[in-house]
Amino acid sequence: MFRWHAPATGGLDTPPWPGRPGTTSDPNPARIPVKIESIETLVREPVAVVRVRTDDGVEGIGQTAPYAAEMTSQVLHSMVARFFLGRDPWDVETLVENCLATYYKFPSTFLYRALAGLDTAVWDILGRVTGQPVSKLLGGHVRDSTPVYASSMRRDIGPDEEADRLLGHIETDGFEAVKIRVGSAMGRDGDVAPRRTERIIARVRDKLGENIAISADANGGFSAARAIRVGRMLEDYAYHHFEEPCPYSQLEQTAQVAAALDIAVSGGEQDNSLSQFNRMIAGRVVDIVQPDIGYLGGISRARKVAVLAEAAGIPCTPHCANDSLLQVFTLHLAVAMPACSQAQEWSIEETPWSQGIYHPLPTVVDGRVAAPTGPGWGVGLDPDFVATAEHRVSRLKA
């Protein structure tokens, strides 16, 4: 992890930031180091934002994975908060792993979702006190901007309507890549309409032309045999990658599909075990790995997956299915990690529940999003969201 070091020209008397212990502006240089003093959740279903404050008044914001926000908030306060209260924010990765080691009998998605909210809020604190974007703390900017692909989340849409919709985003925002949905999520070889998969694969390529990179997401909807047949059709129409062709827990089926096809097979969004990611990458189960910051437990753990991918020589394209704060976190990861070299996911859906949470919103220009420049995540909470959300606070006991 990045840690601040005094500039060579200024020596140890040069304060890293005003008012910190041991600096000339601190009236009590010998006081106890900074600690996390309070952890607050702001819930407006299906979103839970997390606000963390230190005892010297620095505040950071994060967010849990969307949906079941109230349940996630309960887990955060009852199980996770105690591992962070009273602790040094710079120890964030250790705090995350200590929590998981303690609750080894509770490998629940709610635990990881709650951790993601706390982890991301603490990273915001580290960025704010150093005056740097979180992406700089992750190792620096590998790229000044990242290409993004227009990601459709819909299956309740016909091939022509979907193609026209994607064309509109291409013309407006300059996307050079898109993704469609095929099959039926966890559907056991089903489809939402007769032969929709075959029809949409052909029609979208026909309407978008040969210069747009198109990918397809099955959300675990196919058996290995059916996935291979669909994958060969995707190859015939020069698609870019085939996401989650088989149920995510069935690594053997996904590996069988990847071995049979030339098109890149991707997966990993549902997984929250670093050991599972290691098996997926080392065993070449997937050609592109897709961790989700909210599902995996935060930025601390997602960047480890990106490093595993870099060492194995495969791309990392984090899953990000909505425009909540998770989109901001994912952008920071994408500009900082060498393995995030391909176009990253950018949802084109306008979800009412994710509106009015934070500002400023990142924007797509010519199919790319610029690297963040502000301290921390570079965003603030919308006052109306703060006013209308349900608040709950855990505090450090005196």
Protein backbone atom coordinates (compact mmCIF):
# COMPACT_ATOMS: atom_id res chain seq x y z
CA MET A 1 0.00 0.00 0.00
CA PHE A 2 1.11 3.60 -0.61
CA ARG A 3 2.42 5.39 2.48
CA TRP A 4 3.42 9.01 2.68
CA HIS A 5 7.12 9.87 2.89
CA ALA A 6 8.49 13.31 3.54
CA PRO A 7 9.78 15.10 0.43
CA ALA A 8 13.54 14.89 0.01
CA THR A 9 13.83 18.68 -0.13
CA GLY A 10 11.76 19.38 2.94
CA GLY A 11 12.95 16.80 5.43
CA LEU A 12 10.89 15.38 8.26
CA ASP A 13 9.81 18.83 9.45
CA THR A 14 7.79 19.36 6.26
CA PRO A 15 4.18 18.55 7.21
CA PRO A 16 2.40 16.08 4.95
CA TRP A 17 -0.81 17.96 5.67
CA PRO A 18 -1.85 20.69 8.13
CA GLY A 19 -2.57 19.81 11.71
CA ARG A 20 -1.25 16.22 11.68
CA PRO A 21 0.70 14.84 14.63
CA GLY A 22 4.37 15.75 14.69
CA THR A 23 4.08 18.76 12.37
CA THR A 24 4.92 22.37 13.15
CA SER A 25 1.22 23.29 13.00
CA ASP A 26 0.22 20.67 15.55
CA PRO A 27 -0.03 22.21 19.07
CA ASN A 28 0.47 18.79 20.65
CA PRO A 29 2.98 16.78 18.58
CA ALA A 30 3.07 13.93 21.09
CA ARG A 31 -0.65 13.20 21.05
CA ILE A 32 -2.10 9.81 20.15
CA PRO A 33 -2.08 9.04 16.39
CA VAL A 34 -5.23 9.60 14.36
CA LYS A 35 -7.99 7.05 14.87
CA ILE A 36 -11.31 6.22 13.25
CA GLU A 37 -13.89 7.74 15.59
CA SER A 38 -17.26 7.09 13.95
CA ILE A 39 -18.82 5.00 11.20
CA GLU A 40 -22.17 6.05 9.77
CA THR A 41 -24.48 4.44 7.23
CA LEU A 42 -26.88 6.48 5.13
CA VAL A 43 -29.51 4.12 3.71
CA ARG A 44 -31.95 4.90 0.94
CA GLU A 45 -32.89 1.55 -0.52
CA PRO A 46 -31.34 -0.04 -2.38
CA VAL A 47 -28.21 2.03 -1.56
CA ALA A 48 -26.14 2.24 1.62
CA VAL A 49 -23.53 4.99 1.66
CA VAL A 50 -20.89 4.81 4.40
CA ARG A 51 -19.37 7.88 6.05
CA VAL A 52 -16.27 7.46 8.24
CA ARG A 53 -14.76 10.19 10.43
CA THR A 54 -11.44 10.34 12.24
CA ASP A 55 -10.87 11.93 15.63
CA ASP A 56 -9.24 14.95 13.96
CA GLY A 57 -12.28 15.64 11.80
CA VAL A 58 -11.37 14.10 8.44
CA GLU A 59 -14.31 12.47 6.68
CA GLY A 60 -14.42 9.85 3.92
CA ILE A 61 -17.33 8.36 1.99
CA GLY A 62 -17.82 4.89 0.56
CA GLN A 63 -20.66 2.63 -0.50
CA THR A 64 -21.74 -0.96 -0.12
CA ALA A 65 -22.87 -3.02 -3.11
CA PRO A 66 -26.46 -2.03 -4.02
CA TYR A 67 -29.57 -3.96 -2.97
CA ALA A 68 -30.51 -5.28 0.47
CA ALA A 69 -28.99 -2.08 1.83
CA GLU A 70 -30.69 -2.20 5.23
CA MET A 71 -29.53 -5.76 5.86
CA THR A 72 -26.00 -4.83 4.77
CA SER A 73 -26.07 -1.84 7.12
CA GLN A 74 -27.04 -4.09 10.04
CA VAL A 75 -24.14 -6.43 9.29
CA LEU A 76 -21.78 -3.46 9.02
CA HIS A 77 -22.67 -2.07 12.44
CA SER A 78 -23.09 -5.38 14.29
CA MET A 79 -20.11 -7.29 12.86
CA VAL A 80 -17.68 -5.13 10.91
CA ALA A 81 -17.48 -1.69 12.53
CA ARG A 82 -15.62 -2.89 15.62
CA PHE A 83 -12.62 -3.90 13.51
CA PHE A 84 -12.22 -0.28 12.32
CA LEU A 85 -13.24 1.91 15.26
CA GLY A 86 -10.23 3.24 17.14
CA ARG A 87 -7.84 2.07 14.46
CA ASP A 88 -5.39 3.85 12.18
CA PRO A 89 -6.94 4.40 8.71
CA TRP A 90 -3.59 3.59 7.09
CA ASP A 91 -3.98 0.00 8.29
CA VAL A 92 -7.06 -0.49 6.12
CA GLU A 93 -5.91 -3.67 4.34
CA THR A 94 -4.97 -5.32 7.63
CA LEU A 95 -8.29 -4.33 9.17
CA VAL A 96 -10.19 -5.87 6.25
CA GLU A 97 -8.28 -9.15 6.42
CA ASN A 98 -8.53 -9.34 10.23
CA CYS A 99 -12.30 -9.03 9.96
CA LEU A 100 -12.50 -11.80 7.38
CA ALA A 101 -10.17 -14.06 9.36
CA THR A 102 -12.30 -13.63 12.48
CA TYR A 103 -15.54 -14.40 10.64
CA TYR A 104 -14.16 -17.32 8.65
CA LYS A 105 -17.32 -19.28 9.49
CA PHE A 106 -19.48 -16.56 7.88
CA PRO A 107 -18.49 -16.36 4.20
CA SER A 108 -21.65 -14.37 3.43
CA THR A 109 -22.07 -11.84 0.64
CA PHE A 110 -23.43 -9.42 3.26
CA LEU A 111 -20.13 -9.48 5.13
CA TYR A 112 -18.21 -8.60 1.97
CA ARG A 113 -20.75 -5.97 0.96
CA ALA A 114 -20.44 -4.31 4.36
CA LEU A 115 -16.64 -4.46 4.19
CA ALA A 116 -16.73 -2.79 0.77
CA GLY A 117 -18.57 0.18 2.24
CA LEU A 118 -16.06 0.66 5.04
CA ASP A 119 -12.99 -0.06 2.93
CA THR A 120 -13.94 2.45 0.25
CA ALA A 121 -14.72 5.15 2.84
CA VAL A 122 -11.33 4.70 4.50
CA TRP A 123 -9.53 4.93 1.15
CA ASP A 124 -11.35 8.23 0.62
CA ILE A 125 -9.89 9.47 3.92
CA LEU A 126 -6.37 8.51 2.82
CA GLY A 127 -6.81 10.38 -0.43
CA ARG A 128 -8.20 13.47 1.27
CA VAL A 129 -5.42 13.78 3.86
CA THR A 130 -2.72 13.37 1.22
CA GLY A 131 -4.46 15.55 -1.34
CA GLN A 132 -4.30 12.77 -3.93
CA PRO A 133 -6.87 10.74 -5.87
CA VAL A 134 -7.24 7.20 -4.56
CA SER A 135 -5.98 6.03 -7.94
CA LYS A 136 -2.62 7.67 -7.20
CA LEU A 137 -2.43 5.83 -3.87
CA LEU A 138 -3.02 2.54 -5.69
CA GLY A 139 0.27 3.00 -7.51
CA GLY A 140 -0.21 5.98 -9.81
CA HIS A 141 -1.90 6.55 -13.13
CA VAL A 142 -1.02 4.00 -15.77
CA ARG A 143 -3.29 5.90 -18.16
CA ASP A 144 -4.73 9.41 -18.30
CA SER A 145 -8.14 8.08 -19.29
CA THR A 146 -9.76 4.71 -19.74
CA PRO A 147 -11.87 3.50 -22.68
CA VAL A 148 -15.32 2.27 -21.66
CA TYR A 149 -17.94 0.13 -23.33
CA ALA A 150 -21.69 0.82 -23.35
CA SER A 151 -23.10 -1.96 -21.19
CA SER A 152 -26.76 -2.92 -21.60
CA MET A 153 -28.44 -4.49 -18.57
CA ARG A 154 -31.66 -5.43 -20.37
CA ARG A 155 -33.17 -8.64 -21.66
CA ASP A 156 -36.69 -7.24 -22.00
CA ILE A 157 -35.81 -5.69 -25.33
CA GLY A 158 -35.90 -6.94 -28.91
CA PRO A 159 -32.87 -7.14 -31.20
CA ASP A 160 -33.77 -4.12 -33.35
CA GLU A 161 -34.67 -1.89 -30.44
CA GLU A 162 -31.45 -2.85 -28.61
CA ALA A 163 -29.31 -2.22 -31.67
CA ASP A 164 -30.90 1.20 -32.22
CA ARG A 165 -30.44 2.10 -28.58
CA LEU A 166 -26.76 1.20 -28.65
CA LEU A 167 -26.28 3.13 -31.88
CA GLY A 168 -27.66 6.20 -30.14
CA HIS A 169 -25.06 5.92 -27.37
CA ILE A 170 -22.30 5.36 -29.92
CA GLU A 171 -23.30 8.51 -31.77
CA THR A 172 -23.75 10.62 -28.63
CA ASP A 173 -20.81 9.51 -26.47
CA GLY A 174 -18.39 8.02 -28.98
CA PHE A 175 -18.38 4.48 -27.60
CA GLU A 176 -16.29 2.09 -29.67
CA ALA A 177 -17.46 -0.99 -27.76
CA VAL A 178 -20.77 -2.30 -26.39
CA LYS A 179 -22.18 -5.32 -24.55
CA ILE A 180 -25.55 -7.07 -24.91
CA ARG A 181 -27.38 -9.68 -22.83
CA VAL A 182 -28.05 -13.18 -24.16
CA GLY A 183 -29.83 -16.21 -22.75
CA SER A 184 -31.63 -16.02 -19.42
CA ALA A 185 -29.74 -15.32 -16.19
CA MET A 186 -28.98 -18.64 -14.47
CA GLY A 187 -31.56 -19.94 -16.94
CA ARG A 188 -30.46 -23.55 -17.60
CA ASP A 189 -30.22 -23.05 -21.36
CA GLY A 190 -33.41 -21.02 -21.46
CA ASP A 191 -34.06 -17.76 -23.29
CA VAL A 192 -36.37 -14.86 -22.50
CA ALA A 193 -37.97 -15.16 -25.95
CA PRO A 194 -37.78 -17.85 -28.64
CA ARG A 195 -34.34 -17.75 -30.30
CA ARG A 196 -33.69 -14.25 -28.97
CA THR A 197 -30.02 -15.12 -28.38
CA GLU A 198 -29.39 -16.08 -31.99
CA ARG A 199 -31.42 -13.19 -33.36
CA ILE A 200 -29.82 -10.48 -31.24
CA ILE A 201 -26.25 -11.66 -31.87
CA ALA A 202 -26.73 -11.38 -35.62
CA ARG A 203 -28.87 -8.24 -35.64
CA VAL A 204 -26.67 -6.10 -33.39
CA ARG A 205 -23.58 -6.90 -35.46
CA ASP A 206 -25.47 -6.16 -38.68
CA LYS A 207 -26.67 -2.76 -37.44
CA LEU A 208 -23.52 -1.64 -35.60
CA GLY A 209 -21.10 -2.62 -38.35
CA GLU A 210 -17.69 -4.22 -38.18
CA ASN A 211 -15.82 -1.41 -36.41
CA ILE A 212 -17.60 -1.68 -33.03
CA ALA A 213 -16.35 -4.25 -30.52
CA ILE A 214 -19.41 -6.17 -29.30
CA SER A 215 -19.49 -8.52 -26.31
CA ALA A 216 -22.23 -10.74 -24.90
CA ASP A 217 -23.14 -11.56 -21.29
CA ALA A 218 -25.01 -14.76 -20.44
CA ASN A 219 -25.10 -14.25 -16.63
CA GLY A 220 -24.48 -17.95 -16.08
CA GLY A 221 -27.41 -18.97 -18.26
CA PHE A 222 -25.95 -21.87 -20.25
CA SER A 223 -24.63 -25.38 -19.81
CA ALA A 224 -21.15 -25.94 -21.24
CA ALA A 225 -22.52 -27.59 -24.40
CA ARG A 226 -25.01 -24.81 -25.12
CA ALA A 227 -22.44 -22.14 -24.26
CA ILE A 228 -20.00 -23.58 -26.77
CA ARG A 229 -22.62 -23.47 -29.51
CA VAL A 230 -23.47 -19.85 -28.67
CA GLY A 231 -19.77 -19.02 -28.41
CA ARG A 232 -19.11 -20.31 -31.91
CA MET A 233 -21.87 -18.08 -33.22
CA LEU A 234 -20.27 -15.15 -31.39
CA GLU A 235 -16.99 -16.01 -33.11
CA ASP A 236 -18.71 -16.11 -36.49
CA TYR A 237 -19.94 -12.56 -35.88
CA ALA A 238 -16.53 -11.37 -34.55
CA TYR A 239 -17.64 -10.60 -30.99
CA HIS A 240 -15.02 -9.45 -28.48
CA HIS A 241 -15.70 -11.48 -25.34
CA PHE A 242 -18.26 -13.91 -23.91
CA GLU A 243 -19.09 -13.15 -20.29
CA GLU A 244 -20.12 -15.69 -17.64
CA PRO A 245 -21.36 -18.37 -20.07
CA CYS A 246 -22.00 -20.91 -17.28
CA PRO A 247 -23.10 -20.64 -13.63
CA TYR A 248 -20.25 -18.89 -11.80
CA SER A 249 -19.78 -21.67 -9.26
CA GLN A 250 -19.24 -24.23 -12.03
CA LEU A 251 -15.59 -23.46 -12.80
CA GLU A 252 -15.15 -26.76 -14.61
CA GLN A 253 -17.92 -25.91 -17.10
CA THR A 254 -16.54 -22.43 -17.73
CA ALA A 255 -13.05 -23.86 -18.24
CA GLN A 256 -14.47 -26.35 -20.75
CA VAL A 257 -16.06 -23.48 -22.69
CA ALA A 258 -12.90 -21.38 -22.62
CA ALA A 259 -10.81 -24.29 -23.87
CA ALA A 260 -13.21 -24.98 -26.76
CA LEU A 261 -13.50 -21.40 -28.04
CA ASP A 262 -11.21 -18.81 -29.57
CA ILE A 263 -13.31 -15.88 -28.28
CA ALA A 264 -12.18 -14.62 -24.87
CA VAL A 265 -14.30 -15.94 -22.00
CA SER A 266 -14.71 -13.68 -18.96
CA GLY A 267 -16.05 -14.09 -15.44
CA GLY A 268 -15.60 -13.41 -11.75
CA GLU A 269 -18.16 -10.75 -10.90
CA GLN A 270 -19.99 -12.93 -8.37
CA ASP A 271 -16.91 -14.21 -6.55
CA ASN A 272 -15.62 -12.88 -3.24
CA SER A 273 -12.81 -15.35 -2.47
CA LEU A 274 -9.25 -14.40 -3.42
CA SER A 275 -8.41 -18.10 -3.47
CA GLN A 276 -11.17 -18.67 -6.01
CA PHE A 277 -9.81 -15.86 -8.17
CA ASN A 278 -6.35 -17.39 -7.94
CA ARG A 279 -7.75 -20.73 -9.12
CA MET A 280 -9.61 -19.06 -11.98
CA ILE A 281 -6.55 -17.18 -13.17
CA ALA A 282 -3.87 -19.82 -12.59
CA GLY A 283 -6.06 -22.53 -14.11
CA ARG A 284 -6.97 -20.37 -17.13
CA VAL A 285 -10.66 -20.82 -16.39
CA VAL A 286 -11.23 -17.36 -17.86
CA ASP A 287 -9.36 -15.17 -20.32
CA ILE A 288 -10.57 -11.91 -18.72
CA VAL A 289 -11.16 -11.59 -14.97
CA GLN A 290 -13.98 -9.38 -13.65
CA PRO A 291 -13.93 -8.64 -9.91
CA ASP A 292 -16.68 -6.42 -8.50
CA ILE A 293 -15.45 -3.97 -5.85
CA GLY A 294 -18.78 -4.07 -3.99
CA TYR A 295 -19.10 -7.86 -3.96
CA LEU A 296 -15.45 -8.60 -3.23
CA GLY A 297 -15.05 -6.44 -0.13
CA GLY A 298 -13.64 -3.17 -1.40
CA ILE A 299 -10.81 -1.61 -3.34
CA SER A 300 -8.11 -3.25 -1.16
CA ARG A 301 -9.08 -6.73 -2.31
CA ALA A 302 -10.09 -5.84 -5.88
CA ARG A 303 -6.65 -4.45 -6.61
CA LYS A 304 -5.12 -7.74 -5.50
CA VAL A 305 -7.14 -9.52 -8.19
CA ALA A 306 -5.85 -6.99 -10.73
CA VAL A 307 -2.27 -7.74 -9.64
CA LEU A 308 -2.90 -11.49 -10.00
CA ALA A 309 -4.21 -10.84 -13.50
CA GLU A 310 -1.19 -8.71 -14.37
CA ALA A 311 1.20 -11.44 -13.21
CA ALA A 312 -0.68 -14.01 -15.30
CA GLY A 313 -0.75 -11.77 -18.36
CA ILE A 314 -4.55 -11.56 -18.68
CA PRO A 315 -6.79 -8.47 -18.68
CA CYS A 316 -8.81 -7.34 -15.66
CA THR A 317 -12.14 -5.67 -16.48
CA PRO A 318 -13.97 -5.03 -13.20
CA HIS A 319 -17.71 -5.61 -13.14
CA CYS A 320 -19.70 -2.40 -12.58
CA ALA A 321 -23.40 -2.67 -13.37
CA ASN A 322 -24.75 0.74 -12.26
CA ASP A 323 -23.89 4.43 -11.98
CA SER A 324 -23.76 4.67 -8.19
CA LEU A 325 -20.51 5.43 -6.32
CA LEU A 326 -19.28 1.98 -7.38
CA GLN A 327 -18.74 3.47 -10.85
CA VAL A 328 -16.37 6.05 -9.34
CA PHE A 329 -14.44 3.43 -7.37
CA THR A 330 -14.07 1.26 -10.46
CA LEU A 331 -12.77 4.20 -12.50
CA HIS A 332 -9.99 4.79 -9.97
CA LEU A 333 -9.00 1.13 -10.10
CA ALA A 334 -9.07 1.07 -13.90
CA VAL A 335 -6.72 4.03 -14.43
CA ALA A 336 -4.23 2.75 -11.84
CA MET A 337 -3.84 -0.97 -12.59
CA PRO A 338 -1.80 -2.15 -15.59
CA ALA A 339 -4.05 -5.19 -16.13
CA CYS A 340 -7.10 -2.95 -16.70
CA SER A 341 -5.97 -2.37 -20.27
CA GLN A 342 -9.18 -3.02 -22.19
CA ALA A 343 -12.41 -1.04 -22.38
CA GLN A 344 -14.10 -1.04 -18.98
CA GLU A 345 -17.80 -1.57 -18.25
CA TRP A 346 -20.00 1.54 -18.27
CA SER A 347 -23.72 1.02 -17.66
CA ILE A 348 -26.03 2.91 -20.01
CA GLU A 349 -29.09 2.35 -17.83
CA GLU A 350 -30.61 5.25 -15.90
CA THR A 351 -31.59 3.75 -12.56
CA PRO A 352 -33.77 6.16 -10.53
CA TRP A 353 -32.41 4.89 -7.21
CA SER A 354 -28.82 5.82 -8.10
CA GLN A 355 -29.63 9.42 -9.00
CA GLY A 356 -28.89 12.34 -6.69
CA ILE A 357 -26.41 10.51 -4.45
CA TYR A 358 -23.17 12.31 -5.29
CA HIS A 359 -21.56 14.92 -7.51
CA PRO A 360 -19.83 15.59 -9.82
CA LEU A 361 -20.73 12.65 -12.06
CA PRO A 362 -18.02 11.19 -14.32
CA THR A 363 -18.74 11.67 -18.01
CA VAL A 364 -17.93 9.77 -21.20
CA VAL A 365 -16.24 11.80 -23.94
CA ASP A 366 -15.29 10.11 -27.20
CA GLY A 367 -15.75 6.71 -25.58
CA ARG A 368 -13.36 7.45 -22.69
CA VAL A 369 -13.52 8.70 -19.10
CA ALA A 370 -10.72 10.90 -17.79
CA ALA A 371 -8.62 9.85 -14.81
CA PRO A 372 -9.76 11.42 -11.53
CA THR A 373 -7.82 14.44 -10.26
CA GLY A 374 -9.52 15.48 -7.00
CA PRO A 375 -8.43 14.17 -3.57
CA GLY A 376 -9.92 10.88 -2.43
CA TRP A 377 -12.71 9.77 -4.72
CA GLY A 378 -13.05 13.36 -5.89
CA VAL A 379 -16.79 13.51 -5.21
CA GLY A 380 -19.14 14.69 -2.45
CA LEU A 381 -22.58 13.61 -1.27
CA ASP A 382 -25.69 15.41 -2.47
CA PRO A 383 -27.24 17.33 0.49
CA ASP A 384 -30.72 16.08 -0.41
CA PHE A 385 -29.54 12.48 -0.23
CA VAL A 386 -27.97 13.11 3.18
CA ALA A 387 -31.16 14.76 4.41
CA THR A 388 -33.52 12.00 3.25
CA ALA A 389 -31.43 8.89 4.00
CA GLU A 390 -31.85 6.84 7.16
CA HIS A 391 -28.83 7.35 9.42
CA ARG A 392 -27.20 4.95 11.85
CA VAL A 393 -23.90 5.58 13.62
CA SER A 394 -21.35 3.42 15.46
CA ARG A 395 -18.93 5.43 17.62
CA LEU A 396 -15.66 4.85 19.40
CA LYS A 397 -16.36 4.43 23.10
CA ALA A 398 -14.60 6.83 25.46
